[in-house]
Amino acid sequence: MICYINDTPVSSGCFKKVDEDTIEIKRMYVDPSHRRKGISSKLLSELESWAKELNFAISLLETGKGQPEAIGLYTKAGYKITENYGSYIGIENSICMKKGMYSRGNLIVELSS
């Protein structure tokens, strides 16, 4: 997904399928001249909406311990720190986060750390 302002790309992000219920948010980026304007929150929300339309219920992501702004963004959006997963297992500087995005039929997606 690419976000534009006046035909100029200012941010991008994507997600990949992990399993039938889960996606992983990847490659979130906002041009430095457009940061602190709410663009990253909107981008994350749009990625989650797209994933929900495709019937995914859980969102994972990874960020670095040295990224307090990103950690704040994801926490504010409802993500909770979880155990490192996949290729991030054992990576000391990685912080993995998880969010249940909606309820699916009788399955209420509630996640704990």
PDB file of N, CA and C in Angstrom:
ATOM      1  N   MET A   1       0.860  -1.154   0.000  1.00  0.00           N
ATOM      2  CA  MET A   1       0.000   0.000   0.000  1.00  0.00           C
ATOM      3  C   MET A   1       0.913   1.226   0.000  1.00  0.00           C
ATOM      4  N   ILE A   2       0.591   2.195  -0.837  1.00  0.00           N
ATOM      5  CA  ILE A   2       1.347   3.444  -0.909  1.00  0.00           C
ATOM      6  C   ILE A   2       0.390   4.597  -0.661  1.00  0.00           C
ATOM      7  N   CYS A   3       0.793   5.522   0.198  1.00  0.00           N
ATOM      8  CA  CYS A   3      -0.013   6.707   0.502  1.00  0.00           C
ATOM      9  C   CYS A   3       0.605   7.913  -0.188  1.00  0.00           C
ATOM     10  N   TYR A   4      -0.246   8.716  -0.806  1.00  0.00           N
ATOM     11  CA  TYR A   4       0.203   9.884  -1.557  1.00  0.00           C
ATOM     12  C   TYR A   4      -0.364  11.163  -0.958  1.00  0.00           C
ATOM     13  N   ILE A   5       0.403  12.241  -1.059  1.00  0.00           N
ATOM     14  CA  ILE A   5      -0.071  13.592  -0.799  1.00  0.00           C
ATOM     15  C   ILE A   5       0.290  14.406  -2.029  1.00  0.00           C
ATOM     16  N   ASN A   6      -0.725  14.973  -2.680  1.00  0.00           N
ATOM     17  CA  ASN A   6      -0.506  15.754  -3.904  1.00  0.00           C
ATOM     18  C   ASN A   6       0.332  14.988  -4.925  1.00  0.00           C
ATOM     19  N   ASP A   7      -0.041  13.743  -5.171  1.00  0.00           N
ATOM     20  CA  ASP A   7       0.623  12.872  -6.145  1.00  0.00           C
ATOM     21  C   ASP A   7       2.059  12.494  -5.786  1.00  0.00           C
ATOM     22  N   THR A   8       2.477  12.773  -4.561  1.00  0.00           N
ATOM     23  CA  THR A   8       3.819  12.411  -4.110  1.00  0.00           C
ATOM     24  C   THR A   8       3.706  11.284  -3.089  1.00  0.00           C
ATOM     25  N   PRO A   9       4.397  10.155  -3.319  1.00  0.00           N
ATOM     26  CA  PRO A   9       4.343   9.074  -2.328  1.00  0.00           C
ATOM     27  C   PRO A   9       5.028   9.503  -1.032  1.00  0.00           C
ATOM     28  N   VAL A  10       4.330   9.327   0.105  1.00  0.00           N
ATOM     29  CA  VAL A  10       4.882   9.741   1.398  1.00  0.00           C
ATOM     30  C   VAL A  10       4.995   8.589   2.396  1.00  0.00           C
ATOM     31  N   SER A  11       4.307   7.484   2.141  1.00  0.00           N
ATOM     32  CA  SER A  11       4.413   6.345   3.057  1.00  0.00           C
ATOM     33  C   SER A  11       4.023   5.061   2.341  1.00  0.00           C
ATOM     34  N   SER A  12       4.461   3.954   2.939  1.00  0.00           N
ATOM     35  CA  SER A  12       4.124   2.653   2.370  1.00  0.00           C
ATOM     36  C   SER A  12       4.136   1.601   3.473  1.00  0.00           C
ATOM     37  N   GLY A  13       3.494   0.503   3.191  1.00  0.00           N
ATOM     38  CA  GLY A  13       3.453  -0.626   4.109  1.00  0.00           C
ATOM     39  C   GLY A  13       2.768  -1.791   3.420  1.00  0.00           C
ATOM     40  N   CYS A  14       2.912  -2.963   3.976  1.00  0.00           N
ATOM     41  CA  CYS A  14       2.262  -4.134   3.394  1.00  0.00           C
ATOM     42  C   CYS A  14       2.052  -5.174   4.494  1.00  0.00           C
ATOM     43  N   PHE A  15       1.435  -6.273   4.126  1.00  0.00           N
ATOM     44  CA  PHE A  15       1.345  -7.406   5.043  1.00  0.00           C
ATOM     45  C   PHE A  15       1.487  -8.679   4.249  1.00  0.00           C
ATOM     46  N   LYS A  16       1.884  -9.738   4.958  1.00  0.00           N
ATOM     47  CA  LYS A  16       1.966 -11.051   4.323  1.00  0.00           C
ATOM     48  C   LYS A  16       1.177 -12.049   5.153  1.00  0.00           C
ATOM     49  N   LYS A  17       0.661 -13.042   4.475  1.00  0.00           N
ATOM     50  CA  LYS A  17      -0.097 -14.099   5.134  1.00  0.00           C
ATOM     51  C   LYS A  17       0.860 -14.995   5.913  1.00  0.00           C
ATOM     52  N   VAL A  18       0.515 -15.245   7.185  1.00  0.00           N
ATOM     53  CA  VAL A  18       1.275 -16.165   8.025  1.00  0.00           C
ATOM     54  C   VAL A  18       0.578 -17.521   8.039  1.00  0.00           C
ATOM     55  N   ASP A  19      -0.737 -17.507   8.270  1.00  0.00           N
ATOM     56  CA  ASP A  19      -1.565 -18.709   8.214  1.00  0.00           C
ATOM     57  C   ASP A  19      -2.993 -18.274   7.891  1.00  0.00           C
ATOM     58  N   GLU A  20      -3.953 -19.168   7.999  1.00  0.00           N
ATOM     59  CA  GLU A  20      -5.328 -18.866   7.591  1.00  0.00           C
ATOM     60  C   GLU A  20      -5.957 -17.720   8.375  1.00  0.00           C
ATOM     61  N   ASP A  21      -5.506 -17.482   9.600  1.00  0.00           N
ATOM     62  CA  ASP A  21      -6.082 -16.439  10.448  1.00  0.00           C
ATOM     63  C   ASP A  21      -5.187 -15.221  10.637  1.00  0.00           C
ATOM     64  N   THR A  22      -3.924 -15.331  10.261  1.00  0.00           N
ATOM     65  CA  THR A  22      -2.917 -14.363  10.710  1.00  0.00           C
ATOM     66  C   THR A  22      -2.156 -13.716   9.560  1.00  0.00           C
ATOM     67  N   ILE A  23      -1.932 -12.402   9.723  1.00  0.00           N
ATOM     68  CA  ILE A  23      -1.049 -11.671   8.810  1.00  0.00           C
ATOM     69  C   ILE A  23       0.087 -11.059   9.627  1.00  0.00           C
ATOM     70  N   GLU A  24       1.157 -10.695   8.926  1.00  0.00           N
ATOM     71  CA  GLU A  24       2.256  -9.962   9.543  1.00  0.00           C
ATOM     72  C   GLU A  24       2.409  -8.635   8.816  1.00  0.00           C
ATOM     73  N   ILE A  25       2.307  -7.541   9.559  1.00  0.00           N
ATOM     74  CA  ILE A  25       2.535  -6.206   9.009  1.00  0.00           C
ATOM     75  C   ILE A  25       4.023  -6.087   8.705  1.00  0.00           C
ATOM     76  N   LYS A  26       4.345  -5.598   7.505  1.00  0.00           N
ATOM     77  CA  LYS A  26       5.736  -5.498   7.071  1.00  0.00           C
ATOM     78  C   LYS A  26       6.003  -4.121   6.470  1.00  0.00           C
ATOM     79  N   ARG A  27       7.226  -3.704   6.566  1.00  0.00           N
ATOM     80  CA  ARG A  27       7.755  -2.565   5.808  1.00  0.00           C
ATOM     81  C   ARG A  27       6.996  -1.253   5.968  1.00  0.00           C
ATOM     82  N   MET A  28       6.552  -0.960   7.180  1.00  0.00           N
ATOM     83  CA  MET A  28       5.908   0.340   7.426  1.00  0.00           C
ATOM     84  C   MET A  28       6.972   1.434   7.311  1.00  0.00           C
ATOM     85  N   TYR A  29       6.670   2.459   6.520  1.00  0.00           N
ATOM     86  CA  TYR A  29       7.627   3.560   6.333  1.00  0.00           C
ATOM     87  C   TYR A  29       6.867   4.841   6.029  1.00  0.00           C
ATOM     88  N   VAL A  30       7.307   5.933   6.656  1.00  0.00           N
ATOM     89  CA  VAL A  30       6.792   7.268   6.346  1.00  0.00           C
ATOM     90  C   VAL A  30       8.002   8.156   6.082  1.00  0.00           C
ATOM     91  N   ASP A  31       7.954   8.900   4.986  1.00  0.00           N
ATOM     92  CA  ASP A  31       9.033   9.826   4.652  1.00  0.00           C
ATOM     93  C   ASP A  31       9.278  10.758   5.848  1.00  0.00           C
ATOM     94  N   PRO A  32      10.541  10.974   6.213  1.00  0.00           N
ATOM     95  CA  PRO A  32      10.837  11.806   7.396  1.00  0.00           C
ATOM     96  C   PRO A  32      10.180  13.189   7.376  1.00  0.00           C
ATOM     97  N   SER A  33      10.009  13.779   6.212  1.00  0.00           N
ATOM     98  CA  SER A  33       9.400  15.117   6.148  1.00  0.00           C
ATOM     99  C   SER A  33       7.895  15.093   6.405  1.00  0.00           C
ATOM    100  N   HIS A  34       7.309  13.894   6.489  1.00  0.00           N
ATOM    101  CA  HIS A  34       5.864  13.775   6.712  1.00  0.00           C
ATOM    102  C   HIS A  34       5.524  13.041   8.007  1.00  0.00           C
ATOM    103  N   ARG A  35       6.511  12.838   8.847  1.00  0.00           N
ATOM    104  CA  ARG A  35       6.270  12.150  10.117  1.00  0.00           C
ATOM    105  C   ARG A  35       5.594  13.077  11.119  1.00  0.00           C
ATOM    106  N   ARG A  36       4.946  12.453  12.123  1.00  0.00           N
ATOM    107  CA  ARG A  36       4.245  13.158  13.206  1.00  0.00           C
ATOM    108  C   ARG A  36       3.030  13.934  12.690  1.00  0.00           C
ATOM    109  N   LYS A  37       2.412  13.389  11.636  1.00  0.00           N
ATOM    110  CA  LYS A  37       1.202  13.994  11.072  1.00  0.00           C
ATOM    111  C   LYS A  37       0.035  13.006  11.061  1.00  0.00           C
ATOM    112  N   GLY A  38       0.209  11.853  11.707  1.00  0.00           N
ATOM    113  CA  GLY A  38      -0.855  10.855  11.756  1.00  0.00           C
ATOM    114  C   GLY A  38      -0.898   9.918  10.565  1.00  0.00           C
ATOM    115  N   ILE A  39       0.059  10.046   9.661  1.00  0.00           N
ATOM    116  CA  ILE A  39       0.057   9.213   8.454  1.00  0.00           C
ATOM    117  C   ILE A  39       0.288   7.746   8.801  1.00  0.00           C
ATOM    118  N   SER A  40       1.200   7.462   9.711  1.00  0.00           N
ATOM    119  CA  SER A  40       1.482   6.064  10.051  1.00  0.00           C
ATOM    120  C   SER A  40       0.272   5.393  10.701  1.00  0.00           C
ATOM    121  N   SER A  41      -0.460   6.126  11.530  1.00  0.00           N
ATOM    122  CA  SER A  41      -1.679   5.570  12.144  1.00  0.00           C
ATOM    123  C   SER A  41      -2.714   5.239  11.083  1.00  0.00           C
ATOM    124  N   LYS A  42      -2.880   6.135  10.136  1.00  0.00           N
ATOM    125  CA  LYS A  42      -3.845   5.919   9.050  1.00  0.00           C
ATOM    126  C   LYS A  42      -3.414   4.740   8.183  1.00  0.00           C
ATOM    127  N   LEU A  43      -2.134   4.673   7.853  1.00  0.00           N
ATOM    128  CA  LEU A  43      -1.621   3.567   7.051  1.00  0.00           C
ATOM    129  C   LEU A  43      -1.855   2.236   7.756  1.00  0.00           C
ATOM    130  N   LEU A  44      -1.517   2.163   9.039  1.00  0.00           N
ATOM    131  CA  LEU A  44      -1.721   0.929   9.799  1.00  0.00           C
ATOM    132  C   LEU A  44      -3.196   0.549   9.825  1.00  0.00           C
ATOM    133  N   SER A  45      -4.062   1.514  10.040  1.00  0.00           N
ATOM    134  CA  SER A  45      -5.503   1.269  10.059  1.00  0.00           C
ATOM    135  C   SER A  45      -5.987   0.734   8.713  1.00  0.00           C
ATOM    136  N   GLU A  46      -5.491   1.298   7.635  1.00  0.00           N
ATOM    137  CA  GLU A  46      -5.892   0.839   6.296  1.00  0.00           C
ATOM    138  C   GLU A  46      -5.390  -0.578   6.022  1.00  0.00           C
ATOM    139  N   LEU A  47      -4.167  -0.882   6.441  1.00  0.00           N
ATOM    140  CA  LEU A  47      -3.655  -2.244   6.272  1.00  0.00           C
ATOM    141  C   LEU A  47      -4.497  -3.242   7.059  1.00  0.00           C
ATOM    142  N   GLU A  48      -4.862  -2.880   8.288  1.00  0.00           N
ATOM    143  CA  GLU A  48      -5.709  -3.758   9.099  1.00  0.00           C
ATOM    144  C   GLU A  48      -7.088  -3.928   8.471  1.00  0.00           C
ATOM    145  N   SER A  49      -7.659  -2.858   7.951  1.00  0.00           N
ATOM    146  CA  SER A  49      -8.976  -2.944   7.298  1.00  0.00           C
ATOM    147  C   SER A  49      -8.922  -3.872   6.097  1.00  0.00           C
ATOM    148  N   TRP A  50      -7.874  -3.757   5.314  1.00  0.00           N
ATOM    149  CA  TRP A  50      -7.693  -4.616   4.145  1.00  0.00           C
ATOM    150  C   TRP A  50      -7.592  -6.079   4.591  1.00  0.00           C
ATOM    151  N   ALA A  51      -6.815  -6.337   5.636  1.00  0.00           N
ATOM    152  CA  ALA A  51      -6.676  -7.705   6.145  1.00  0.00           C
ATOM    153  C   ALA A  51      -8.013  -8.245   6.653  1.00  0.00           C
ATOM    154  N   LYS A  52      -8.792  -7.408   7.334  1.00  0.00           N
ATOM    155  CA  LYS A  52     -10.118  -7.825   7.818  1.00  0.00           C
ATOM    156  C   LYS A  52     -11.031  -8.187   6.654  1.00  0.00           C
ATOM    157  N   GLU A  53     -10.985  -7.387   5.581  1.00  0.00           N
ATOM    158  CA  GLU A  53     -11.796  -7.686   4.394  1.00  0.00           C
ATOM    159  C   GLU A  53     -11.455  -9.060   3.830  1.00  0.00           C
ATOM    160  N   LEU A  54     -10.211  -9.481   4.011  1.00  0.00           N
ATOM    161  CA  LEU A  54      -9.761 -10.791   3.537  1.00  0.00           C
ATOM    162  C   LEU A  54      -9.950 -11.878   4.593  1.00  0.00           C
ATOM    163  N   ASN A  55     -10.664 -11.536   5.683  1.00  0.00           N
ATOM    164  CA  ASN A  55     -11.027 -12.466   6.761  1.00  0.00           C
ATOM    165  C   ASN A  55      -9.874 -12.921   7.643  1.00  0.00           C
ATOM    166  N   PHE A  56      -8.849 -12.113   7.761  1.00  0.00           N
ATOM    167  CA  PHE A  56      -7.800 -12.405   8.734  1.00  0.00           C
ATOM    168  C   PHE A  56      -8.230 -11.847  10.083  1.00  0.00           C
ATOM    169  N   ALA A  57      -7.845 -12.533  11.158  1.00  0.00           N
ATOM    170  CA  ALA A  57      -8.294 -12.148  12.499  1.00  0.00           C
ATOM    171  C   ALA A  57      -7.167 -11.676  13.411  1.00  0.00           C
ATOM    172  N   ILE A  58      -5.936 -12.011  13.082  1.00  0.00           N
ATOM    173  CA  ILE A  58      -4.801 -11.701  13.952  1.00  0.00           C
ATOM    174  C   ILE A  58      -3.721 -10.998  13.142  1.00  0.00           C
ATOM    175  N   SER A  59      -3.137  -9.975  13.750  1.00  0.00           N
ATOM    176  CA  SER A  59      -2.044  -9.241  13.125  1.00  0.00           C
ATOM    177  C   SER A  59      -0.807  -9.321  14.005  1.00  0.00           C
ATOM    178  N   LEU A  60       0.307  -9.682  13.399  1.00  0.00           N
ATOM    179  CA  LEU A  60       1.605  -9.704  14.066  1.00  0.00           C
ATOM    180  C   LEU A  60       2.488  -8.636  13.445  1.00  0.00           C
ATOM    181  N   LEU A  61       3.499  -8.211  14.172  1.00  0.00           N
ATOM    182  CA  LEU A  61       4.513  -7.332  13.591  1.00  0.00           C
ATOM    183  C   LEU A  61       5.763  -7.382  14.438  1.00  0.00           C
ATOM    184  N   GLU A  62       6.851  -6.900  13.872  1.00  0.00           N
ATOM    185  CA  GLU A  62       8.128  -6.818  14.573  1.00  0.00           C
ATOM    186  C   GLU A  62       8.665  -5.417  14.404  1.00  0.00           C
ATOM    187  N   THR A  63       9.246  -4.892  15.462  1.00  0.00           N
ATOM    188  CA  THR A  63       9.947  -3.617  15.409  1.00  0.00           C
ATOM    189  C   THR A  63      11.183  -3.743  16.289  1.00  0.00           C
ATOM    190  N   GLY A  64      12.002  -2.724  16.290  1.00  0.00           N
ATOM    191  CA  GLY A  64      13.230  -2.778  17.074  1.00  0.00           C
ATOM    192  C   GLY A  64      13.096  -2.093  18.423  1.00  0.00           C
ATOM    193  N   LYS A  65      13.883  -2.538  19.379  1.00  0.00           N
ATOM    194  CA  LYS A  65      13.886  -1.910  20.701  1.00  0.00           C
ATOM    195  C   LYS A  65      14.275  -0.443  20.615  1.00  0.00           C
ATOM    196  N   GLY A  66      15.041  -0.068  19.605  1.00  0.00           N
ATOM    197  CA  GLY A  66      15.470   1.313  19.423  1.00  0.00           C
ATOM    198  C   GLY A  66      14.486   2.153  18.632  1.00  0.00           C
ATOM    199  N   GLN A  67      13.231   1.725  18.537  1.00  0.00           N
ATOM    200  CA  GLN A  67      12.197   2.431  17.777  1.00  0.00           C
ATOM    201  C   GLN A  67      11.040   2.825  18.696  1.00  0.00           C
ATOM    202  N   PRO A  68      11.261   3.719  19.661  1.00  0.00           N
ATOM    203  CA  PRO A  68      10.188   4.045  20.613  1.00  0.00           C
ATOM    204  C   PRO A  68       8.953   4.652  19.959  1.00  0.00           C
ATOM    205  N   GLU A  69       9.126   5.392  18.864  1.00  0.00           N
ATOM    206  CA  GLU A  69       7.960   5.970  18.186  1.00  0.00           C
ATOM    207  C   GLU A  69       7.091   4.869  17.594  1.00  0.00           C
ATOM    208  N   ALA A  70       7.729   3.873  16.984  1.00  0.00           N
ATOM    209  CA  ALA A  70       6.984   2.752  16.405  1.00  0.00           C
ATOM    210  C   ALA A  70       6.284   1.952  17.501  1.00  0.00           C
ATOM    211  N   ILE A  71       6.982   1.692  18.586  1.00  0.00           N
ATOM    212  CA  ILE A  71       6.379   0.951  19.700  1.00  0.00           C
ATOM    213  C   ILE A  71       5.164   1.708  20.226  1.00  0.00           C
ATOM    214  N   GLY A  72       5.278   3.017  20.355  1.00  0.00           N
ATOM    215  CA  GLY A  72       4.152   3.841  20.802  1.00  0.00           C
ATOM    216  C   GLY A  72       2.983   3.788  19.837  1.00  0.00           C
ATOM    217  N   LEU A  73       3.268   3.872  18.541  1.00  0.00           N
ATOM    218  CA  LEU A  73       2.225   3.792  17.513  1.00  0.00           C
ATOM    219  C   LEU A  73       1.464   2.479  17.632  1.00  0.00           C
ATOM    220  N   TYR A  74       2.191   1.376  17.692  1.00  0.00           N
ATOM    221  CA  TYR A  74       1.547   0.069  17.720  1.00  0.00           C
ATOM    222  C   TYR A  74       0.788  -0.157  19.028  1.00  0.00           C
ATOM    223  N   THR A  75       1.346   0.295  20.136  1.00  0.00           N
ATOM    224  CA  THR A  75       0.657   0.169  21.424  1.00  0.00           C
ATOM    225  C   THR A  75      -0.647   0.956  21.406  1.00  0.00           C
ATOM    226  N   LYS A  76      -0.597   2.173  20.904  1.00  0.00           N
ATOM    227  CA  LYS A  76      -1.800   3.009  20.814  1.00  0.00           C
ATOM    228  C   LYS A  76      -2.858   2.363  19.912  1.00  0.00           C
ATOM    229  N   ALA A  77      -2.408   1.605  18.914  1.00  0.00           N
ATOM    230  CA  ALA A  77      -3.330   0.933  17.994  1.00  0.00           C
ATOM    231  C   ALA A  77      -3.857  -0.386  18.554  1.00  0.00           C
ATOM    232  N   GLY A  78      -3.440  -0.748  19.771  1.00  0.00           N
ATOM    233  CA  GLY A  78      -3.982  -1.947  20.402  1.00  0.00           C
ATOM    234  C   GLY A  78      -3.089  -3.167  20.369  1.00  0.00           C
ATOM    235  N   TYR A  79      -1.882  -3.036  19.862  1.00  0.00           N
ATOM    236  CA  TYR A  79      -0.953  -4.164  19.832  1.00  0.00           C
ATOM    237  C   TYR A  79      -0.347  -4.374  21.215  1.00  0.00           C
ATOM    238  N   LYS A  80      -0.070  -5.633  21.517  1.00  0.00           N
ATOM    239  CA  LYS A  80       0.555  -5.996  22.785  1.00  0.00           C
ATOM    240  C   LYS A  80       1.840  -6.769  22.487  1.00  0.00           C
ATOM    241  N   ILE A  81       2.839  -6.552  23.326  1.00  0.00           N
ATOM    242  CA  ILE A  81       4.101  -7.272  23.153  1.00  0.00           C
ATOM    243  C   ILE A  81       3.854  -8.756  23.366  1.00  0.00           C
ATOM    244  N   THR A  82       4.443  -9.564  22.494  1.00  0.00           N
ATOM    245  CA  THR A  82       4.307 -11.012  22.553  1.00  0.00           C
ATOM    246  C   THR A  82       5.690 -11.629  22.392  1.00  0.00           C
ATOM    247  N   GLU A  83       5.763 -12.932  22.539  1.00  0.00           N
ATOM    248  CA  GLU A  83       7.040 -13.626  22.348  1.00  0.00           C
ATOM    249  C   GLU A  83       7.496 -13.461  20.906  1.00  0.00           C
ATOM    250  N   ASN A  84       8.817 -13.385  20.725  1.00  0.00           N
ATOM    251  CA  ASN A  84       9.347 -13.318  19.369  1.00  0.00           C
ATOM    252  C   ASN A  84       8.962 -14.588  18.617  1.00  0.00           C
ATOM    253  N   TYR A  85       8.669 -14.427  17.348  1.00  0.00           N
ATOM    254  CA  TYR A  85       8.199 -15.539  16.522  1.00  0.00           C
ATOM    255  C   TYR A  85       9.083 -15.663  15.280  1.00  0.00           C
ATOM    256  N   GLY A  86       8.973 -16.814  14.627  1.00  0.00           N
ATOM    257  CA  GLY A  86       9.642 -17.033  13.349  1.00  0.00           C
ATOM    258  C   GLY A  86      11.116 -16.670  13.375  1.00  0.00           C
ATOM    259  N   SER A  87      11.532 -15.905  12.382  1.00  0.00           N
ATOM    260  CA  SER A  87      12.946 -15.545  12.253  1.00  0.00           C
ATOM    261  C   SER A  87      13.414 -14.573  13.330  1.00  0.00           C
ATOM    262  N   TYR A  88      12.497 -14.064  14.156  1.00  0.00           N
ATOM    263  CA  TYR A  88      12.861 -13.128  15.229  1.00  0.00           C
ATOM    264  C   TYR A  88      13.166 -13.830  16.553  1.00  0.00           C
ATOM    265  N   ILE A  89      12.941 -15.135  16.621  1.00  0.00           N
ATOM    266  CA  ILE A  89      13.249 -15.885  17.841  1.00  0.00           C
ATOM    267  C   ILE A  89      14.745 -15.762  18.119  1.00  0.00           C
ATOM    268  N   GLY A  90      15.064 -15.361  19.342  1.00  0.00           N
ATOM    269  CA  GLY A  90      16.460 -15.228  19.738  1.00  0.00           C
ATOM    270  C   GLY A  90      17.116 -13.916  19.337  1.00  0.00           C
ATOM    271  N   ILE A  91      16.395 -13.050  18.630  1.00  0.00           N
ATOM    272  CA  ILE A  91      16.939 -11.750  18.234  1.00  0.00           C
ATOM    273  C   ILE A  91      16.667 -10.770  19.368  1.00  0.00           C
ATOM    274  N   GLU A  92      17.715 -10.400  20.070  1.00  0.00           N
ATOM    275  CA  GLU A  92      17.588  -9.605  21.287  1.00  0.00           C
ATOM    276  C   GLU A  92      17.015  -8.210  21.054  1.00  0.00           C
ATOM    277  N   ASN A  93      17.308  -7.604  19.921  1.00  0.00           N
ATOM    278  CA  ASN A  93      16.860  -6.230  19.672  1.00  0.00           C
ATOM    279  C   ASN A  93      15.472  -6.144  19.047  1.00  0.00           C
ATOM    280  N   SER A  94      14.834  -7.281  18.804  1.00  0.00           N
ATOM    281  CA  SER A  94      13.495  -7.295  18.214  1.00  0.00           C
ATOM    282  C   SER A  94      12.422  -7.282  19.289  1.00  0.00           C
ATOM    283  N   ILE A  95      11.356  -6.550  19.005  1.00  0.00           N
ATOM    284  CA  ILE A  95      10.142  -6.592  19.818  1.00  0.00           C
ATOM    285  C   ILE A  95       9.018  -7.034  18.891  1.00  0.00           C
ATOM    286  N   CYS A  96       8.358  -8.115  19.244  1.00  0.00           N
ATOM    287  CA  CYS A  96       7.233  -8.598  18.454  1.00  0.00           C
ATOM    288  C   CYS A  96       5.939  -8.227  19.166  1.00  0.00           C
ATOM    289  N   MET A  97       4.942  -7.892  18.359  1.00  0.00           N
ATOM    290  CA  MET A  97       3.655  -7.447  18.900  1.00  0.00           C
ATOM    291  C   MET A  97       2.529  -8.158  18.159  1.00  0.00           C
ATOM    292  N   LYS A  98       1.368  -8.222  18.826  1.00  0.00           N
ATOM    293  CA  LYS A  98       0.241  -8.996  18.310  1.00  0.00           C
ATOM    294  C   LYS A  98      -1.060  -8.274  18.630  1.00  0.00           C
ATOM    295  N   LYS A  99      -2.034  -8.422  17.736  1.00  0.00           N
ATOM    296  CA  LYS A  99      -3.346  -7.803  17.946  1.00  0.00           C
ATOM    297  C   LYS A  99      -4.423  -8.692  17.341  1.00  0.00           C
ATOM    298  N   GLY A 100      -5.502  -8.918  18.111  1.00  0.00           N
ATOM    299  CA  GLY A 100      -6.696  -9.535  17.564  1.00  0.00           C
ATOM    300  C   GLY A 100      -7.516  -8.436  16.916  1.00  0.00           C
ATOM    301  N   MET A 101      -7.897  -8.619  15.658  1.00  0.00           N
ATOM    302  CA  MET A 101      -8.531  -7.535  14.910  1.00  0.00           C
ATOM    303  C   MET A 101     -10.046  -7.545  14.957  1.00  0.00           C
ATOM    304  N   TYR A 102     -10.677  -8.690  15.170  1.00  0.00           N
ATOM    305  CA  TYR A 102     -12.141  -8.733  15.216  1.00  0.00           C
ATOM    306  C   TYR A 102     -12.602 -10.115  15.632  1.00  0.00           C
ATOM    307  N   SER A 103     -13.902 -10.258  15.866  1.00  0.00           N
ATOM    308  CA  SER A 103     -14.443 -11.579  16.179  1.00  0.00           C
ATOM    309  C   SER A 103     -14.968 -12.223  14.905  1.00  0.00           C
ATOM    310  N   ARG A 104     -14.759 -13.510  14.801  1.00  0.00           N
ATOM    311  CA  ARG A 104     -15.164 -14.274  13.623  1.00  0.00           C
ATOM    312  C   ARG A 104     -16.151 -15.343  14.075  1.00  0.00           C
ATOM    313  N   GLY A 105     -17.430 -15.135  13.786  1.00  0.00           N
ATOM    314  CA  GLY A 105     -18.442 -16.095  14.198  1.00  0.00           C
ATOM    315  C   GLY A 105     -18.417 -16.289  15.703  1.00  0.00           C
ATOM    316  N   ASN A 106     -18.277 -17.530  16.143  1.00  0.00           N
ATOM    317  CA  ASN A 106     -18.203 -17.828  17.572  1.00  0.00           C
ATOM    318  C   ASN A 106     -16.805 -17.627  18.145  1.00  0.00           C
ATOM    319  N   LEU A 107     -15.834 -17.378  17.278  1.00  0.00           N
ATOM    320  CA  LEU A 107     -14.462 -17.193  17.729  1.00  0.00           C
ATOM    321  C   LEU A 107     -14.238 -15.731  18.061  1.00  0.00           C
ATOM    322  N   ILE A 108     -14.081 -15.421  19.321  1.00  0.00           N
ATOM    323  CA  ILE A 108     -13.736 -14.068  19.746  1.00  0.00           C
ATOM    324  C   ILE A 108     -12.218 -14.030  19.858  1.00  0.00           C
ATOM    325  N   VAL A 109     -11.608 -13.184  19.092  1.00  0.00           N
ATOM    326  CA  VAL A 109     -10.153 -13.128  19.081  1.00  0.00           C
ATOM    327  C   VAL A 109      -9.685 -12.207  20.192  1.00  0.00           C
ATOM    328  N   GLU A 110      -9.218 -12.798  21.260  1.00  0.00           N
ATOM    329  CA  GLU A 110      -8.631 -12.059  22.377  1.00  0.00           C
ATOM    330  C   GLU A 110      -7.255 -12.642  22.606  1.00  0.00           C
ATOM    331  N   LEU A 111      -6.267 -11.794  22.637  1.00  0.00           N
ATOM    332  CA  LEU A 111      -4.901 -12.266  22.748  1.00  0.00           C
ATOM    333  C   LEU A 111      -4.295 -11.836  24.066  1.00  0.00           C
ATOM    334  N   SER A 112      -3.495 -12.696  24.618  1.00  0.00           N
ATOM    335  CA  SER A 112      -2.707 -12.325  25.789  1.00  0.00           C
ATOM    336  C   SER A 112      -1.247 -12.446  25.397  1.00  0.00           C
ATOM    337  N   SER A 113      -0.394 -11.847  26.200  1.00  0.00           N
ATOM    338  CA  SER A 113       1.034 -11.925  25.885  1.00  0.00           C
ATOM    339  C   SER A 113       1.514 -13.310  26.190  1.00  0.00           C
TER     340      SER A 113
END
